[in-house]
Amino acid sequence: MIQSIGQIMLYVNNQSAAKEFWLNQLNFHLVAEEENDMGMKWIEIKPTKDSETSLVLHDKETIAKMSPELHLGTPSLMFYSHDFDAFYADLASKNVTLGDIVPLPTGRIFNFADNDNNYFAVMEK
């Protein structure tokens, strides 16, 4: 039986730029930054230090060479925010590409783009 989601892999074009985006623009926390003997580097980040689920930033080109059969598309992720308006304003002040705030029956939502132009959603909780 699955108890929780441990890690979500994000395949990025530039790990350093992606790390800076997630840490500086979205205030994620660095969990680990490691490299193995084969030159594979990964960067693990979390939205908070106590989050169960982490994102792992992998170099898309390296993974494509190691596992050409692997789908390297960006997963569709929905993040939750308890301080929705302040978070939106903070991202706007950092010049993060943002979509409009849209009211839905389940709550308000907006999206943002990372430095690879991948879009992620944020829902008010």
PDB file of N, CA and C in Angstrom:
ATOM      1  N   MET A   1       0.838  -1.172   0.000  1.00  0.00           N
ATOM      2  CA  MET A   1       0.000   0.000   0.000  1.00  0.00           C
ATOM      3  C   MET A   1       0.888   1.243   0.000  1.00  0.00           C
ATOM      4  N   ILE A   2       0.542   2.224  -0.804  1.00  0.00           N
ATOM      5  CA  ILE A   2       1.288   3.485  -0.858  1.00  0.00           C
ATOM      6  C   ILE A   2       0.826   4.379   0.285  1.00  0.00           C
ATOM      7  N   GLN A   3       1.776   4.913   1.019  1.00  0.00           N
ATOM      8  CA  GLN A   3       1.479   5.782   2.157  1.00  0.00           C
ATOM      9  C   GLN A   3       1.514   7.267   1.804  1.00  0.00           C
ATOM     10  N   SER A   4       2.400   7.637   0.884  1.00  0.00           N
ATOM     11  CA  SER A   4       2.531   9.047   0.514  1.00  0.00           C
ATOM     12  C   SER A   4       3.359   9.147  -0.754  1.00  0.00           C
ATOM     13  N   ILE A   5       3.443  10.351  -1.272  1.00  0.00           N
ATOM     14  CA  ILE A   5       4.309  10.610  -2.429  1.00  0.00           C
ATOM     15  C   ILE A   5       5.628  11.134  -1.873  1.00  0.00           C
ATOM     16  N   GLY A   6       6.715  10.457  -2.195  1.00  0.00           N
ATOM     17  CA  GLY A   6       8.016  10.828  -1.667  1.00  0.00           C
ATOM     18  C   GLY A   6       8.694  11.919  -2.462  1.00  0.00           C
ATOM     19  N   GLN A   7       8.882  11.661  -3.760  1.00  0.00           N
ATOM     20  CA  GLN A   7       9.599  12.611  -4.606  1.00  0.00           C
ATOM     21  C   GLN A   7       8.916  12.720  -5.953  1.00  0.00           C
ATOM     22  N   ILE A   8       9.016  13.903  -6.527  1.00  0.00           N
ATOM     23  CA  ILE A   8       8.561  14.149  -7.893  1.00  0.00           C
ATOM     24  C   ILE A   8       9.776  14.618  -8.670  1.00  0.00           C
ATOM     25  N   MET A   9      10.058  13.950  -9.777  1.00  0.00           N
ATOM     26  CA  MET A   9      11.218  14.293 -10.589  1.00  0.00           C
ATOM     27  C   MET A   9      10.850  15.375 -11.596  1.00  0.00           C
ATOM     28  N   LEU A  10      11.642  16.447 -11.614  1.00  0.00           N
ATOM     29  CA  LEU A  10      11.501  17.493 -12.616  1.00  0.00           C
ATOM     30  C   LEU A  10      12.756  17.487 -13.469  1.00  0.00           C
ATOM     31  N   TYR A  11      12.580  17.302 -14.761  1.00  0.00           N
ATOM     32  CA  TYR A  11      13.707  17.273 -15.680  1.00  0.00           C
ATOM     33  C   TYR A  11      13.843  18.666 -16.273  1.00  0.00           C
ATOM     34  N   VAL A  12      14.972  19.309 -16.008  1.00  0.00           N
ATOM     35  CA  VAL A  12      15.169  20.717 -16.348  1.00  0.00           C
ATOM     36  C   VAL A  12      16.348  20.884 -17.296  1.00  0.00           C
ATOM     37  N   ASN A  13      16.344  21.995 -18.006  1.00  0.00           N
ATOM     38  CA  ASN A  13      17.416  22.286 -18.959  1.00  0.00           C
ATOM     39  C   ASN A  13      18.675  22.807 -18.281  1.00  0.00           C
ATOM     40  N   ASN A  14      18.520  23.485 -17.149  1.00  0.00           N
ATOM     41  CA  ASN A  14      19.663  24.059 -16.453  1.00  0.00           C
ATOM     42  C   ASN A  14      19.417  23.907 -14.954  1.00  0.00           C
ATOM     43  N   GLN A  15      20.092  22.959 -14.336  1.00  0.00           N
ATOM     44  CA  GLN A  15      19.859  22.670 -12.917  1.00  0.00           C
ATOM     45  C   GLN A  15      20.169  23.867 -12.019  1.00  0.00           C
ATOM     46  N   SER A  16      21.242  24.566 -12.292  1.00  0.00           N
ATOM     47  CA  SER A  16      21.605  25.713 -11.449  1.00  0.00           C
ATOM     48  C   SER A  16      20.540  26.797 -11.516  1.00  0.00           C
ATOM     49  N   ALA A  17      20.081  27.106 -12.724  1.00  0.00           N
ATOM     50  CA  ALA A  17      19.036  28.127 -12.889  1.00  0.00           C
ATOM     51  C   ALA A  17      17.729  27.662 -12.248  1.00  0.00           C
ATOM     52  N   ALA A  18      17.398  26.386 -12.403  1.00  0.00           N
ATOM     53  CA  ALA A  18      16.174  25.853 -11.801  1.00  0.00           C
ATOM     54  C   ALA A  18      16.262  25.905 -10.276  1.00  0.00           C
ATOM     55  N   LYS A  19      17.409  25.545  -9.737  1.00  0.00           N
ATOM     56  CA  LYS A  19      17.602  25.597  -8.285  1.00  0.00           C
ATOM     57  C   LYS A  19      17.416  27.024  -7.780  1.00  0.00           C
ATOM     58  N   GLU A  20      18.033  27.972  -8.440  1.00  0.00           N
ATOM     59  CA  GLU A  20      17.909  29.375  -8.026  1.00  0.00           C
ATOM     60  C   GLU A  20      16.458  29.842  -8.107  1.00  0.00           C
ATOM     61  N   PHE A  21      15.744  29.436  -9.156  1.00  0.00           N
ATOM     62  CA  PHE A  21      14.339  29.814  -9.303  1.00  0.00           C
ATOM     63  C   PHE A  21      13.518  29.299  -8.127  1.00  0.00           C
ATOM     64  N   TRP A  22      13.593  28.004  -7.867  1.00  0.00           N
ATOM     65  CA  TRP A  22      12.771  27.399  -6.817  1.00  0.00           C
ATOM     66  C   TRP A  22      13.150  27.903  -5.431  1.00  0.00           C
ATOM     67  N   LEU A  23      14.445  28.108  -5.183  1.00  0.00           N
ATOM     68  CA  LEU A  23      14.870  28.571  -3.861  1.00  0.00           C
ATOM     69  C   LEU A  23      14.600  30.062  -3.667  1.00  0.00           C
ATOM     70  N   ASN A  24      14.955  30.876  -4.646  1.00  0.00           N
ATOM     71  CA  ASN A  24      14.872  32.322  -4.482  1.00  0.00           C
ATOM     72  C   ASN A  24      13.508  32.904  -4.818  1.00  0.00           C
ATOM     73  N   GLN A  25      12.875  32.405  -5.859  1.00  0.00           N
ATOM     74  CA  GLN A  25      11.586  32.964  -6.270  1.00  0.00           C
ATOM     75  C   GLN A  25      10.433  32.359  -5.480  1.00  0.00           C
ATOM     76  N   LEU A  26      10.512  31.062  -5.163  1.00  0.00           N
ATOM     77  CA  LEU A  26       9.401  30.389  -4.490  1.00  0.00           C
ATOM     78  C   LEU A  26       9.700  30.030  -3.041  1.00  0.00           C
ATOM     79  N   ASN A  27      10.889  30.375  -2.577  1.00  0.00           N
ATOM     80  CA  ASN A  27      11.275  30.159  -1.175  1.00  0.00           C
ATOM     81  C   ASN A  27      11.268  28.692  -0.753  1.00  0.00           C
ATOM     82  N   PHE A  28      11.558  27.782  -1.697  1.00  0.00           N
ATOM     83  CA  PHE A  28      11.702  26.368  -1.342  1.00  0.00           C
ATOM     84  C   PHE A  28      12.979  26.197  -0.521  1.00  0.00           C
ATOM     85  N   HIS A  29      13.110  25.054   0.118  1.00  0.00           N
ATOM     86  CA  HIS A  29      14.273  24.739   0.946  1.00  0.00           C
ATOM     87  C   HIS A  29      15.117  23.668   0.266  1.00  0.00           C
ATOM     88  N   LEU A  30      16.420  23.838   0.311  1.00  0.00           N
ATOM     89  CA  LEU A  30      17.342  22.852  -0.243  1.00  0.00           C
ATOM     90  C   LEU A  30      17.482  21.705   0.741  1.00  0.00           C
ATOM     91  N   VAL A  31      17.219  20.488   0.269  1.00  0.00           N
ATOM     92  CA  VAL A  31      17.362  19.283   1.091  1.00  0.00           C
ATOM     93  C   VAL A  31      18.725  18.657   0.839  1.00  0.00           C
ATOM     94  N   ALA A  32      19.074  18.506  -0.448  1.00  0.00           N
ATOM     95  CA  ALA A  32      20.348  17.870  -0.802  1.00  0.00           C
ATOM     96  C   ALA A  32      20.739  18.275  -2.211  1.00  0.00           C
ATOM     97  N   GLU A  33      22.031  18.315  -2.431  1.00  0.00           N
ATOM     98  CA  GLU A  33      22.586  18.533  -3.766  1.00  0.00           C
ATOM     99  C   GLU A  33      23.759  17.567  -3.880  1.00  0.00           C
ATOM    100  N   GLU A  34      23.584  16.568  -4.723  1.00  0.00           N
ATOM    101  CA  GLU A  34      24.574  15.496  -4.781  1.00  0.00           C
ATOM    102  C   GLU A  34      24.931  15.144  -6.219  1.00  0.00           C
ATOM    103  N   GLU A  35      26.090  14.537  -6.364  1.00  0.00           N
ATOM    104  CA  GLU A  35      26.553  14.065  -7.664  1.00  0.00           C
ATOM    105  C   GLU A  35      27.212  12.711  -7.457  1.00  0.00           C
ATOM    106  N   ASN A  36      26.928  11.753  -8.357  1.00  0.00           N
ATOM    107  CA  ASN A  36      27.522  10.426  -8.206  1.00  0.00           C
ATOM    108  C   ASN A  36      28.776  10.298  -9.070  1.00  0.00           C
ATOM    109  N   ASP A  37      29.403   9.137  -9.025  1.00  0.00           N
ATOM    110  CA  ASP A  37      30.646   8.880  -9.757  1.00  0.00           C
ATOM    111  C   ASP A  37      30.476   8.949 -11.266  1.00  0.00           C
ATOM    112  N   MET A  38      29.251   8.779 -11.732  1.00  0.00           N
ATOM    113  CA  MET A  38      28.984   8.768 -13.176  1.00  0.00           C
ATOM    114  C   MET A  38      28.627  10.163 -13.702  1.00  0.00           C
ATOM    115  N   GLY A  39      28.765  11.188 -12.867  1.00  0.00           N
ATOM    116  CA  GLY A  39      28.494  12.554 -13.298  1.00  0.00           C
ATOM    117  C   GLY A  39      27.027  12.954 -13.262  1.00  0.00           C
ATOM    118  N   MET A  40      26.201  12.114 -12.656  1.00  0.00           N
ATOM    119  CA  MET A  40      24.788  12.456 -12.539  1.00  0.00           C
ATOM    120  C   MET A  40      24.587  13.286 -11.274  1.00  0.00           C
ATOM    121  N   LYS A  41      23.994  14.465 -11.448  1.00  0.00           N
ATOM    122  CA  LYS A  41      23.775  15.376 -10.340  1.00  0.00           C
ATOM    123  C   LYS A  41      22.271  15.509 -10.099  1.00  0.00           C
ATOM    124  N   TRP A  42      21.876  15.594  -8.830  1.00  0.00           N
ATOM    125  CA  TRP A  42      20.481  15.851  -8.520  1.00  0.00           C
ATOM    126  C   TRP A  42      20.397  16.842  -7.374  1.00  0.00           C
ATOM    127  N   ILE A  43      19.317  17.621  -7.409  1.00  0.00           N
ATOM    128  CA  ILE A  43      19.081  18.650  -6.403  1.00  0.00           C
ATOM    129  C   ILE A  43      17.684  18.401  -5.838  1.00  0.00           C
ATOM    130  N   GLU A  44      17.622  18.141  -4.545  1.00  0.00           N
ATOM    131  CA  GLU A  44      16.330  17.876  -3.895  1.00  0.00           C
ATOM    132  C   GLU A  44      15.893  19.117  -3.128  1.00  0.00           C
ATOM    133  N   ILE A  45      14.636  19.526  -3.349  1.00  0.00           N
ATOM    134  CA  ILE A  45      14.084  20.719  -2.719  1.00  0.00           C
ATOM    135  C   ILE A  45      12.686  20.411  -2.176  1.00  0.00           C
ATOM    136  N   LYS A  46      12.260  21.207  -1.195  1.00  0.00           N
ATOM    137  CA  LYS A  46      10.925  21.052  -0.603  1.00  0.00           C
ATOM    138  C   LYS A  46      10.308  22.431  -0.397  1.00  0.00           C
ATOM    139  N   PRO A  47       8.970  22.496  -0.447  1.00  0.00           N
ATOM    140  CA  PRO A  47       8.317  23.783  -0.173  1.00  0.00           C
ATOM    141  C   PRO A  47       8.542  24.261   1.263  1.00  0.00           C
ATOM    142  N   THR A  48       8.547  23.331   2.218  1.00  0.00           N
ATOM    143  CA  THR A  48       8.862  23.644   3.614  1.00  0.00           C
ATOM    144  C   THR A  48       9.775  22.542   4.140  1.00  0.00           C
ATOM    145  N   LYS A  49      10.456  22.808   5.220  1.00  0.00           N
ATOM    146  CA  LYS A  49      11.352  21.801   5.786  1.00  0.00           C
ATOM    147  C   LYS A  49      10.598  20.557   6.236  1.00  0.00           C
ATOM    148  N   ASP A  50       9.312  20.718   6.578  1.00  0.00           N
ATOM    149  CA  ASP A  50       8.515  19.603   7.083  1.00  0.00           C
ATOM    150  C   ASP A  50       7.693  18.895   6.016  1.00  0.00           C
ATOM    151  N   SER A  51       7.763  19.325   4.776  1.00  0.00           N
ATOM    152  CA  SER A  51       6.978  18.701   3.706  1.00  0.00           C
ATOM    153  C   SER A  51       7.387  17.251   3.510  1.00  0.00           C
ATOM    154  N   GLU A  52       6.394  16.387   3.319  1.00  0.00           N
ATOM    155  CA  GLU A  52       6.688  14.973   3.046  1.00  0.00           C
ATOM    156  C   GLU A  52       7.238  14.791   1.638  1.00  0.00           C
ATOM    157  N   THR A  53       6.692  15.525   0.697  1.00  0.00           N
ATOM    158  CA  THR A  53       7.050  15.356  -0.711  1.00  0.00           C
ATOM    159  C   THR A  53       8.102  16.375  -1.116  1.00  0.00           C
ATOM    160  N   SER A  54       9.088  15.923  -1.867  1.00  0.00           N
ATOM    161  CA  SER A  54      10.119  16.830  -2.373  1.00  0.00           C
ATOM    162  C   SER A  54      10.150  16.770  -3.895  1.00  0.00           C
ATOM    163  N   LEU A  55      10.717  17.810  -4.484  1.00  0.00           N
ATOM    164  CA  LEU A  55      10.983  17.838  -5.914  1.00  0.00           C
ATOM    165  C   LEU A  55      12.463  17.556  -6.099  1.00  0.00           C
ATOM    166  N   VAL A  56      12.791  16.763  -7.113  1.00  0.00           N
ATOM    167  CA  VAL A  56      14.188  16.491  -7.424  1.00  0.00           C
ATOM    168  C   VAL A  56      14.455  17.009  -8.832  1.00  0.00           C
ATOM    169  N   LEU A  57      15.383  17.949  -8.928  1.00  0.00           N
ATOM    170  CA  LEU A  57      15.740  18.569 -10.198  1.00  0.00           C
ATOM    171  C   LEU A  57      16.850  17.755 -10.851  1.00  0.00           C
ATOM    172  N   HIS A  58      16.542  17.200 -12.013  1.00  0.00           N
ATOM    173  CA  HIS A  58      17.514  16.419 -12.779  1.00  0.00           C
ATOM    174  C   HIS A  58      17.793  17.115 -14.099  1.00  0.00           C
ATOM    175  N   ASP A  59      19.008  16.968 -14.596  1.00  0.00           N
ATOM    176  CA  ASP A  59      19.368  17.510 -15.892  1.00  0.00           C
ATOM    177  C   ASP A  59      18.708  16.688 -16.990  1.00  0.00           C
ATOM    178  N   LYS A  60      17.882  17.338 -17.790  1.00  0.00           N
ATOM    179  CA  LYS A  60      17.099  16.655 -18.819  1.00  0.00           C
ATOM    180  C   LYS A  60      17.996  15.935 -19.836  1.00  0.00           C
ATOM    181  N   GLU A  61      19.057  16.586 -20.268  1.00  0.00           N
ATOM    182  CA  GLU A  61      19.948  15.998 -21.279  1.00  0.00           C
ATOM    183  C   GLU A  61      20.652  14.748 -20.744  1.00  0.00           C
ATOM    184  N   THR A  62      21.129  14.809 -19.511  1.00  0.00           N
ATOM    185  CA  THR A  62      21.804  13.658 -18.898  1.00  0.00           C
ATOM    186  C   THR A  62      20.857  12.470 -18.768  1.00  0.00           C
ATOM    187  N   ILE A  63      19.643  12.729 -18.291  1.00  0.00           N
ATOM    188  CA  ILE A  63      18.659  11.656 -18.120  1.00  0.00           C
ATOM    189  C   ILE A  63      18.268  11.063 -19.475  1.00  0.00           C
ATOM    190  N   ALA A  64      18.129  11.899 -20.485  1.00  0.00           N
ATOM    191  CA  ALA A  64      17.766  11.416 -21.825  1.00  0.00           C
ATOM    192  C   ALA A  64      18.831  10.462 -22.369  1.00  0.00           C
ATOM    193  N   LYS A  65      20.101  10.750 -22.104  1.00  0.00           N
ATOM    194  CA  LYS A  65      21.180   9.870 -22.550  1.00  0.00           C
ATOM    195  C   LYS A  65      21.189   8.552 -21.772  1.00  0.00           C
ATOM    196  N   MET A  66      20.936   8.637 -20.462  1.00  0.00           N
ATOM    197  CA  MET A  66      20.979   7.448 -19.613  1.00  0.00           C
ATOM    198  C   MET A  66      19.750   6.554 -19.804  1.00  0.00           C
ATOM    199  N   SER A  67      18.594   7.174 -20.024  1.00  0.00           N
ATOM    200  CA  SER A  67      17.332   6.432 -20.142  1.00  0.00           C
ATOM    201  C   SER A  67      16.495   7.020 -21.273  1.00  0.00           C
ATOM    202  N   PRO A  68      16.859   6.702 -22.522  1.00  0.00           N
ATOM    203  CA  PRO A  68      16.158   7.310 -23.653  1.00  0.00           C
ATOM    204  C   PRO A  68      14.674   6.965 -23.723  1.00  0.00           C
ATOM    205  N   GLU A  69      14.253   5.900 -23.059  1.00  0.00           N
ATOM    206  CA  GLU A  69      12.847   5.494 -23.082  1.00  0.00           C
ATOM    207  C   GLU A  69      11.990   6.285 -22.091  1.00  0.00           C
ATOM    208  N   LEU A  70      12.626   7.040 -21.216  1.00  0.00           N
ATOM    209  CA  LEU A  70      11.922   7.765 -20.162  1.00  0.00           C
ATOM    210  C   LEU A  70      11.218   8.997 -20.713  1.00  0.00           C
ATOM    211  N   HIS A  71       9.983   9.227 -20.268  1.00  0.00           N
ATOM    212  CA  HIS A  71       9.237  10.430 -20.639  1.00  0.00           C
ATOM    213  C   HIS A  71       9.769  11.591 -19.803  1.00  0.00           C
ATOM    214  N   LEU A  72      10.250  12.641 -20.452  1.00  0.00           N
ATOM    215  CA  LEU A  72      10.886  13.745 -19.749  1.00  0.00           C
ATOM    216  C   LEU A  72      10.004  14.987 -19.655  1.00  0.00           C
ATOM    217  N   GLY A  73       8.716  14.824 -19.966  1.00  0.00           N
ATOM    218  CA  GLY A  73       7.794  15.955 -19.884  1.00  0.00           C
ATOM    219  C   GLY A  73       7.600  16.411 -18.450  1.00  0.00           C
ATOM    220  N   THR A  74       7.154  17.642 -18.301  1.00  0.00           N
ATOM    221  CA  THR A  74       6.920  18.210 -16.982  1.00  0.00           C
ATOM    222  C   THR A  74       5.593  17.729 -16.435  1.00  0.00           C
ATOM    223  N   PRO A  75       5.579  17.235 -15.207  1.00  0.00           N
ATOM    224  CA  PRO A  75       4.305  16.809 -14.613  1.00  0.00           C
ATOM    225  C   PRO A  75       3.425  18.020 -14.333  1.00  0.00           C
ATOM    226  N   SER A  76       2.138  17.811 -14.368  1.00  0.00           N
ATOM    227  CA  SER A  76       1.189  18.864 -14.030  1.00  0.00           C
ATOM    228  C   SER A  76       1.048  18.875 -12.509  1.00  0.00           C
ATOM    229  N   LEU A  77       1.563  19.914 -11.877  1.00  0.00           N
ATOM    230  CA  LEU A  77       1.572  19.984 -10.422  1.00  0.00           C
ATOM    231  C   LEU A  77       0.644  21.087  -9.926  1.00  0.00           C
ATOM    232  N   MET A  78      -0.071  20.785  -8.856  1.00  0.00           N
ATOM    233  CA  MET A  78      -0.937  21.754  -8.183  1.00  0.00           C
ATOM    234  C   MET A  78      -0.387  21.954  -6.779  1.00  0.00           C
ATOM    235  N   PHE A  79       0.017  23.180  -6.495  1.00  0.00           N
ATOM    236  CA  PHE A  79       0.481  23.530  -5.157  1.00  0.00           C
ATOM    237  C   PHE A  79      -0.660  24.208  -4.409  1.00  0.00           C
ATOM    238  N   TYR A  80      -0.662  24.103  -3.084  1.00  0.00           N
ATOM    239  CA  TYR A  80      -1.646  24.770  -2.242  1.00  0.00           C
ATOM    240  C   TYR A  80      -0.974  25.902  -1.489  1.00  0.00           C
ATOM    241  N   SER A  81      -1.708  26.993  -1.287  1.00  0.00           N
ATOM    242  CA  SER A  81      -1.198  28.117  -0.518  1.00  0.00           C
ATOM    243  C   SER A  81      -2.247  28.573   0.490  1.00  0.00           C
ATOM    244  N   HIS A  82      -1.814  28.705   1.739  1.00  0.00           N
ATOM    245  CA  HIS A  82      -2.698  29.215   2.791  1.00  0.00           C
ATOM    246  C   HIS A  82      -2.716  30.738   2.804  1.00  0.00           C
ATOM    247  N   ASP A  83      -1.678  31.360   2.243  1.00  0.00           N
ATOM    248  CA  ASP A  83      -1.576  32.817   2.181  1.00  0.00           C
ATOM    249  C   ASP A  83      -1.535  33.233   0.710  1.00  0.00           C
ATOM    250  N   PHE A  84      -2.597  32.881   0.020  1.00  0.00           N
ATOM    251  CA  PHE A  84      -2.707  32.966  -1.439  1.00  0.00           C
ATOM    252  C   PHE A  84      -2.366  34.353  -1.993  1.00  0.00           C
ATOM    253  N   ASP A  85      -3.035  35.394  -1.488  1.00  0.00           N
ATOM    254  CA  ASP A  85      -2.842  36.745  -2.028  1.00  0.00           C
ATOM    255  C   ASP A  85      -1.420  37.252  -1.795  1.00  0.00           C
ATOM    256  N   ALA A  86      -0.881  37.001  -0.607  1.00  0.00           N
ATOM    257  CA  ALA A  86       0.480  37.427  -0.311  1.00  0.00           C
ATOM    258  C   ALA A  86       1.495  36.670  -1.180  1.00  0.00           C
ATOM    259  N   PHE A  87       1.250  35.389  -1.412  1.00  0.00           N
ATOM    260  CA  PHE A  87       2.138  34.597  -2.259  1.00  0.00           C
ATOM    261  C   PHE A  87       2.115  35.114  -3.695  1.00  0.00           C
ATOM    262  N   TYR A  88       0.930  35.392  -4.203  1.00  0.00           N
ATOM    263  CA  TYR A  88       0.800  35.933  -5.562  1.00  0.00           C
ATOM    264  C   TYR A  88       1.549  37.269  -5.668  1.00  0.00           C
ATOM    265  N   ALA A  89       1.351  38.140  -4.684  1.00  0.00           N
ATOM    266  CA  ALA A  89       2.018  39.443  -4.683  1.00  0.00           C
ATOM    267  C   ALA A  89       3.534  39.288  -4.606  1.00  0.00           C
ATOM    268  N   ASP A  90       4.005  38.336  -3.800  1.00  0.00           N
ATOM    269  CA  ASP A  90       5.441  38.092  -3.680  1.00  0.00           C
ATOM    270  C   ASP A  90       6.033  37.640  -5.012  1.00  0.00           C
ATOM    271  N   LEU A  91       5.357  36.711  -5.681  1.00  0.00           N
ATOM    272  CA  LEU A  91       5.845  36.251  -6.990  1.00  0.00           C
ATOM    273  C   LEU A  91       5.842  37.385  -8.002  1.00  0.00           C
ATOM    274  N   ALA A  92       4.792  38.205  -7.980  1.00  0.00           N
ATOM    275  CA  ALA A  92       4.714  39.342  -8.900  1.00  0.00           C
ATOM    276  C   ALA A  92       5.869  40.313  -8.651  1.00  0.00           C
ATOM    277  N   SER A  93       6.207  40.549  -7.386  1.00  0.00           N
ATOM    278  CA  SER A  93       7.301  41.468  -7.056  1.00  0.00           C
ATOM    279  C   SER A  93       8.660  40.934  -7.507  1.00  0.00           C
ATOM    280  N   LYS A  94       8.752  39.612  -7.696  1.00  0.00           N
ATOM    281  CA  LYS A  94       9.992  38.977  -8.149  1.00  0.00           C
ATOM    282  C   LYS A  94       9.992  38.751  -9.661  1.00  0.00           C
ATOM    283  N   ASN A  95       9.000  39.328 -10.346  1.00  0.00           N
ATOM    284  CA  ASN A  95       8.878  39.246 -11.806  1.00  0.00           C
ATOM    285  C   ASN A  95       8.728  37.818 -12.325  1.00  0.00           C
ATOM    286  N   VAL A  96       8.096  36.955 -11.525  1.00  0.00           N
ATOM    287  CA  VAL A  96       7.770  35.605 -11.988  1.00  0.00           C
ATOM    288  C   VAL A  96       6.586  35.731 -12.951  1.00  0.00           C
ATOM    289  N   THR A  97       6.626  34.991 -14.047  1.00  0.00           N
ATOM    290  CA  THR A  97       5.514  35.007 -14.993  1.00  0.00           C
ATOM    291  C   THR A  97       4.297  34.377 -14.335  1.00  0.00           C
ATOM    292  N   LEU A  98       3.214  35.154 -14.249  1.00  0.00           N
ATOM    293  CA  LEU A  98       2.007  34.714 -13.555  1.00  0.00           C
ATOM    294  C   LEU A  98       0.791  34.767 -14.468  1.00  0.00           C
ATOM    295  N   GLY A  99      -0.115  33.811 -14.249  1.00  0.00           N
ATOM    296  CA  GLY A  99      -1.417  33.879 -14.876  1.00  0.00           C
ATOM    297  C   GLY A  99      -2.354  34.655 -13.974  1.00  0.00           C
ATOM    298  N   ASP A 100      -3.520  34.979 -14.497  1.00  0.00           N
ATOM    299  CA  ASP A 100      -4.525  35.681 -13.707  1.00  0.00           C
ATOM    300  C   ASP A 100      -5.062  34.784 -12.603  1.00  0.00           C
ATOM    301  N   ILE A 101      -5.541  35.403 -11.544  1.00  0.00           N
ATOM    302  CA  ILE A 101      -6.248  34.680 -10.491  1.00  0.00           C
ATOM    303  C   ILE A 101      -7.647  34.381 -11.011  1.00  0.00           C
ATOM    304  N   VAL A 102      -8.025  33.109 -10.966  1.00  0.00           N
ATOM    305  CA  VAL A 102      -9.307  32.664 -11.511  1.00  0.00           C
ATOM    306  C   VAL A 102     -10.130  32.040 -10.391  1.00  0.00           C
ATOM    307  N   PRO A 103     -11.368  32.516 -10.208  1.00  0.00           N
ATOM    308  CA  PRO A 103     -12.226  31.873  -9.201  1.00  0.00           C
ATOM    309  C   PRO A 103     -12.836  30.587  -9.756  1.00  0.00           C
ATOM    310  N   LEU A 104     -12.785  29.527  -8.989  1.00  0.00           N
ATOM    311  CA  LEU A 104     -13.393  28.250  -9.336  1.00  0.00           C
ATOM    312  C   LEU A 104     -14.323  27.839  -8.207  1.00  0.00           C
ATOM    313  N   PRO A 105     -15.205  26.895  -8.435  1.00  0.00           N
ATOM    314  CA  PRO A 105     -16.069  26.440  -7.337  1.00  0.00           C
ATOM    315  C   PRO A 105     -15.288  25.884  -6.138  1.00  0.00           C
ATOM    316  N   THR A 106     -14.083  25.375  -6.393  1.00  0.00           N
ATOM    317  CA  THR A 106     -13.275  24.785  -5.319  1.00  0.00           C
ATOM    318  C   THR A 106     -12.327  25.791  -4.677  1.00  0.00           C
ATOM    319  N   GLY A 107     -12.263  27.019  -5.192  1.00  0.00           N
ATOM    320  CA  GLY A 107     -11.366  28.041  -4.660  1.00  0.00           C
ATOM    321  C   GLY A 107     -10.673  28.788  -5.774  1.00  0.00           C
ATOM    322  N   ARG A 108      -9.910  29.799  -5.408  1.00  0.00           N
ATOM    323  CA  ARG A 108      -9.188  30.582  -6.421  1.00  0.00           C
ATOM    324  C   ARG A 108      -7.900  29.851  -6.815  1.00  0.00           C
ATOM    325  N   ILE A 109      -7.466  30.142  -8.041  1.00  0.00           N
ATOM    326  CA  ILE A 109      -6.295  29.468  -8.595  1.00  0.00           C
ATOM    327  C   ILE A 109      -5.548  30.438  -9.513  1.00  0.00           C
ATOM    328  N   PHE A 110      -4.239  30.258  -9.606  1.00  0.00           N
ATOM    329  CA  PHE A 110      -3.435  30.946 -10.624  1.00  0.00           C
ATOM    330  C   PHE A 110      -2.304  30.013 -11.023  1.00  0.00           C
ATOM    331  N   ASN A 111      -1.618  30.351 -12.114  1.00  0.00           N
ATOM    332  CA  ASN A 111      -0.455  29.559 -12.489  1.00  0.00           C
ATOM    333  C   ASN A 111       0.768  30.457 -12.600  1.00  0.00           C
ATOM    334  N   PHE A 112       1.925  29.835 -12.580  1.00  0.00           N
ATOM    335  CA  PHE A 112       3.189  30.546 -12.748  1.00  0.00           C
ATOM    336  C   PHE A 112       4.102  29.706 -13.622  1.00  0.00           C
ATOM    337  N   ALA A 113       5.069  30.366 -14.241  1.00  0.00           N
ATOM    338  CA  ALA A 113       6.027  29.673 -15.106  1.00  0.00           C
ATOM    339  C   ALA A 113       7.404  29.679 -14.456  1.00  0.00           C
ATOM    340  N   ASP A 114       8.119  28.554 -14.622  1.00  0.00           N
ATOM    341  CA  ASP A 114       9.499  28.497 -14.146  1.00  0.00           C
ATOM    342  C   ASP A 114      10.421  29.016 -15.242  1.00  0.00           C
ATOM    343  N   ASN A 115      11.725  28.913 -15.039  1.00  0.00           N
ATOM    344  CA  ASN A 115      12.693  29.428 -16.007  1.00  0.00           C
ATOM    345  C   ASN A 115      12.765  28.603 -17.291  1.00  0.00           C
ATOM    346  N   ASP A 116      12.158  27.393 -17.313  1.00  0.00           N
ATOM    347  CA  ASP A 116      12.060  26.590 -18.537  1.00  0.00           C
ATOM    348  C   ASP A 116      10.713  26.791 -19.222  1.00  0.00           C
ATOM    349  N   ASN A 117       9.930  27.756 -18.724  1.00  0.00           N
ATOM    350  CA  ASN A 117       8.606  28.069 -19.252  1.00  0.00           C
ATOM    351  C   ASN A 117       7.601  26.942 -19.048  1.00  0.00           C
ATOM    352  N   ASN A 118       7.796  26.170 -17.989  1.00  0.00           N
ATOM    353  CA  ASN A 118       6.807  25.165 -17.567  1.00  0.00           C
ATOM    354  C   ASN A 118       5.846  25.846 -16.613  1.00  0.00           C
ATOM    355  N   TYR A 119       4.579  25.543 -16.744  1.00  0.00           N
ATOM    356  CA  TYR A 119       3.563  26.166 -15.888  1.00  0.00           C
ATOM    357  C   TYR A 119       3.110  25.230 -14.790  1.00  0.00           C
ATOM    358  N   PHE A 120       2.917  25.792 -13.591  1.00  0.00           N
ATOM    359  CA  PHE A 120       2.449  25.071 -12.419  1.00  0.00           C
ATOM    360  C   PHE A 120       1.302  25.866 -11.819  1.00  0.00           C
ATOM    361  N   ALA A 121       0.365  25.190 -11.187  1.00  0.00           N
ATOM    362  CA  ALA A 121      -0.805  25.843 -10.615  1.00  0.00           C
ATOM    363  C   ALA A 121      -0.678  25.988  -9.112  1.00  0.00           C
ATOM    364  N   VAL A 122      -1.337  27.027  -8.585  1.00  0.00           N
ATOM    365  CA  VAL A 122      -1.416  27.263  -7.148  1.00  0.00           C
ATOM    366  C   VAL A 122      -2.873  27.493  -6.803  1.00  0.00           C
ATOM    367  N   MET A 123      -3.371  26.735  -5.822  1.00  0.00           N
ATOM    368  CA  MET A 123      -4.762  26.872  -5.391  1.00  0.00           C
ATOM    369  C   MET A 123      -4.804  27.384  -3.955  1.00  0.00           C
ATOM    370  N   GLU A 124      -5.756  28.247  -3.703  1.00  0.00           N
ATOM    371  CA  GLU A 124      -5.965  28.778  -2.365  1.00  0.00           C
ATOM    372  C   GLU A 124      -6.533  27.684  -1.473  1.00  0.00           C
ATOM    373  N   LYS A 125      -5.956  27.499  -0.304  1.00  0.00           N
ATOM    374  CA  LYS A 125      -6.441  26.505   0.663  1.00  0.00           C
ATOM    375  C   LYS A 125      -6.690  27.175   1.988  1.00  0.00           C
TER     376      LYS A 125
END
